[in-house]
C-alpha atoms as a PDB file:
ATOM      1  CA  MET A   1     -27.911  14.813   9.255  1.00  0.00           C
ATOM      2  CA  THR A   2     -25.174  16.604   7.377  1.00  0.00           C
ATOM      3  CA  ASP A   3     -21.903  17.941   8.790  1.00  0.00           C
ATOM      4  CA  SER A   4     -19.470  20.331   7.086  1.00  0.00           C
ATOM      5  CA  GLY A   5     -20.206  21.898   3.750  1.00  0.00           C
ATOM      6  CA  PRO A   6     -21.463  20.658   0.399  1.00  0.00           C
ATOM      7  CA  SER A   7     -18.146  21.642  -1.222  1.00  0.00           C
ATOM      8  CA  ASP A   8     -16.233  18.958   0.704  1.00  0.00           C
ATOM      9  CA  PRO A   9     -14.747  16.414  -1.719  1.00  0.00           C
ATOM     10  CA  ILE A  10     -15.859  13.507   0.494  1.00  0.00           C
ATOM     11  CA  THR A  11     -19.389  12.447   1.347  1.00  0.00           C
ATOM     12  CA  VAL A  12     -19.758   9.706   3.948  1.00  0.00           C
ATOM     13  CA  TYR A  13     -23.087   7.909   4.021  1.00  0.00           C
ATOM     14  CA  TRP A  14     -23.416   6.585   7.545  1.00  0.00           C
ATOM     15  CA  ARG A  15     -25.888   4.871   9.848  1.00  0.00           C
ATOM     16  CA  TRP A  16     -26.485   5.743  13.491  1.00  0.00           C
ATOM     17  CA  GLY A  17     -24.617   3.281  15.733  1.00  0.00           C
ATOM     18  CA  CYS A  18     -22.453   1.824  12.950  1.00  0.00           C
ATOM     19  CA  PRO A  19     -19.026   1.133  14.490  1.00  0.00           C
ATOM     20  CA  PHE A  20     -17.341   1.197  11.071  1.00  0.00           C
ATOM     21  CA  CYS A  21     -18.799   4.652  10.410  1.00  0.00           C
ATOM     22  CA  LEU A  22     -17.633   5.936  13.786  1.00  0.00           C
ATOM     23  CA  ARG A  23     -14.125   4.601  13.228  1.00  0.00           C
ATOM     24  CA  LEU A  24     -13.890   6.093   9.731  1.00  0.00           C
ATOM     25  CA  GLY A  25     -15.161   9.471  10.932  1.00  0.00           C
ATOM     26  CA  THR A  26     -12.553   9.512  13.680  1.00  0.00           C
ATOM     27  CA  ARG A  27      -9.774   8.617  11.250  1.00  0.00           C
ATOM     28  CA  LEU A  28     -10.858  11.295   8.782  1.00  0.00           C
ATOM     29  CA  ARG A  29     -10.936  13.930  11.537  1.00  0.00           C
ATOM     30  CA  LEU A  30      -7.512  12.867  12.849  1.00  0.00           C
ATOM     31  CA  ALA A  31      -6.140  13.066   9.304  1.00  0.00           C
ATOM     32  CA  ARG A  32      -7.768  16.520   8.968  1.00  0.00           C
ATOM     33  CA  ILE A  33      -9.618  15.422   5.846  1.00  0.00           C
ATOM     34  CA  PRO A  34     -12.869  17.396   5.571  1.00  0.00           C
ATOM     35  CA  PHE A  35     -16.005  15.425   4.815  1.00  0.00           C
ATOM     36  CA  ARG A  36     -19.748  15.721   4.679  1.00  0.00           C
ATOM     37  CA  ARG A  37     -21.745  13.151   6.626  1.00  0.00           C
ATOM     38  CA  VAL A  38     -25.170  11.991   5.391  1.00  0.00           C
ATOM     39  CA  ASP A  39     -27.380   9.782   7.566  1.00  0.00           C
ATOM     40  CA  ILE A  40     -29.097   7.027   5.584  1.00  0.00           C
ATOM     41  CA  ARG A  41     -32.169   7.277   7.797  1.00  0.00           C
ATOM     42  CA  ASP A  42     -33.077   9.837   5.144  1.00  0.00           C
ATOM     43  CA  PRO A  43     -34.927   7.759   2.502  1.00  0.00           C
ATOM     44  CA  LYS A  44     -33.245   9.628  -0.376  1.00  0.00           C
ATOM     45  CA  ALA A  45     -29.785   8.957   1.081  1.00  0.00           C
ATOM     46  CA  ALA A  46     -30.650   5.287   1.657  1.00  0.00           C
ATOM     47  CA  ALA A  47     -31.769   5.004  -1.979  1.00  0.00           C
ATOM     48  CA  GLU A  48     -28.483   6.564  -3.138  1.00  0.00           C
ATOM     49  CA  VAL A  49     -26.501   3.996  -1.125  1.00  0.00           C
ATOM     50  CA  ARG A  50     -28.578   1.119  -2.505  1.00  0.00           C
ATOM     51  CA  ALA A  51     -27.921   2.408  -6.040  1.00  0.00           C
ATOM     52  CA  ILE A  52     -24.168   2.519  -5.379  1.00  0.00           C
ATOM     53  CA  THR A  53     -23.920  -0.889  -3.689  1.00  0.00           C
ATOM     54  CA  GLY A  54     -26.266  -2.872  -5.903  1.00  0.00           C
ATOM     55  CA  GLY A  55     -29.194  -2.921  -3.503  1.00  0.00           C
ATOM     56  CA  ASP A  56     -27.620  -3.040  -0.054  1.00  0.00           C
ATOM     57  CA  GLU A  57     -27.457  -0.333   2.607  1.00  0.00           C
ATOM     58  CA  ILE A  58     -23.781  -0.858   3.456  1.00  0.00           C
ATOM     59  CA  THR A  59     -22.231   1.806   5.644  1.00  0.00           C
ATOM     60  CA  PRO A  60     -19.998   3.595   5.437  1.00  0.00           C
ATOM     61  CA  THR A  61     -20.362   4.174   1.738  1.00  0.00           C
ATOM     62  CA  VAL A  62     -18.142   7.038   0.661  1.00  0.00           C
ATOM     63  CA  LEU A  63     -18.062   9.276  -2.391  1.00  0.00           C
ATOM     64  CA  VAL A  64     -14.642  10.782  -3.087  1.00  0.00           C
ATOM     65  CA  ASN A  65     -14.701  13.306  -5.927  1.00  0.00           C
ATOM     66  CA  GLY A  66     -17.588  11.333  -7.448  1.00  0.00           C
ATOM     67  CA  ARG A  67     -15.936   7.905  -7.006  1.00  0.00           C
ATOM     68  CA  ALA A  68     -17.839   5.405  -4.824  1.00  0.00           C
ATOM     69  CA  LEU A  69     -16.042   3.374  -2.144  1.00  0.00           C
ATOM     70  CA  VAL A  70     -17.815   0.855   0.082  1.00  0.00           C
ATOM     71  CA  ASN A  71     -16.473   0.515   3.644  1.00  0.00           C
ATOM     72  CA  PRO A  72     -13.100   1.977   2.620  1.00  0.00           C
ATOM     73  CA  SER A  73      -9.930   2.329   4.644  1.00  0.00           C
ATOM     74  CA  ILE A  74      -8.371   5.739   5.183  1.00  0.00           C
ATOM     75  CA  GLY A  75      -5.640   4.625   2.745  1.00  0.00           C
ATOM     76  CA  GLU A  76      -8.220   3.966   0.018  1.00  0.00           C
ATOM     77  CA  ILE A  77      -9.719   7.402   0.602  1.00  0.00           C
ATOM     78  CA  ARG A  78      -6.305   9.091   0.432  1.00  0.00           C
ATOM     79  CA  ALA A  79      -5.563   7.245  -2.827  1.00  0.00           C
ATOM     80  CA  ALA A  80      -8.889   8.354  -4.311  1.00  0.00           C
ATOM     81  CA  LEU A  81      -8.182  11.953  -3.273  1.00  0.00           C
ATOM     82  CA  ALA A  82      -4.748  11.803  -4.899  1.00  0.00           C
ATOM     83  CA  GLY A  83      -5.884  10.518  -8.214  1.00  0.00           C
END
């Protein structure tokens, strides 16, 4: 499942039912930071997350302008957006 557009600077790899993913999504929406959500039930998305994390399917895994963050805070995402 993908929300928003492919031009969004943030991609959030998430898993259905993940409380950390739900919390991050809420914080991003409240901060009005656009993002694209990718469900790792898709085998290709799961493989991308494993490649980023060294073999684990940790969610949320976030790409910010090409930089990978694993289970980041909203502050970490803002910092990655700024620089």
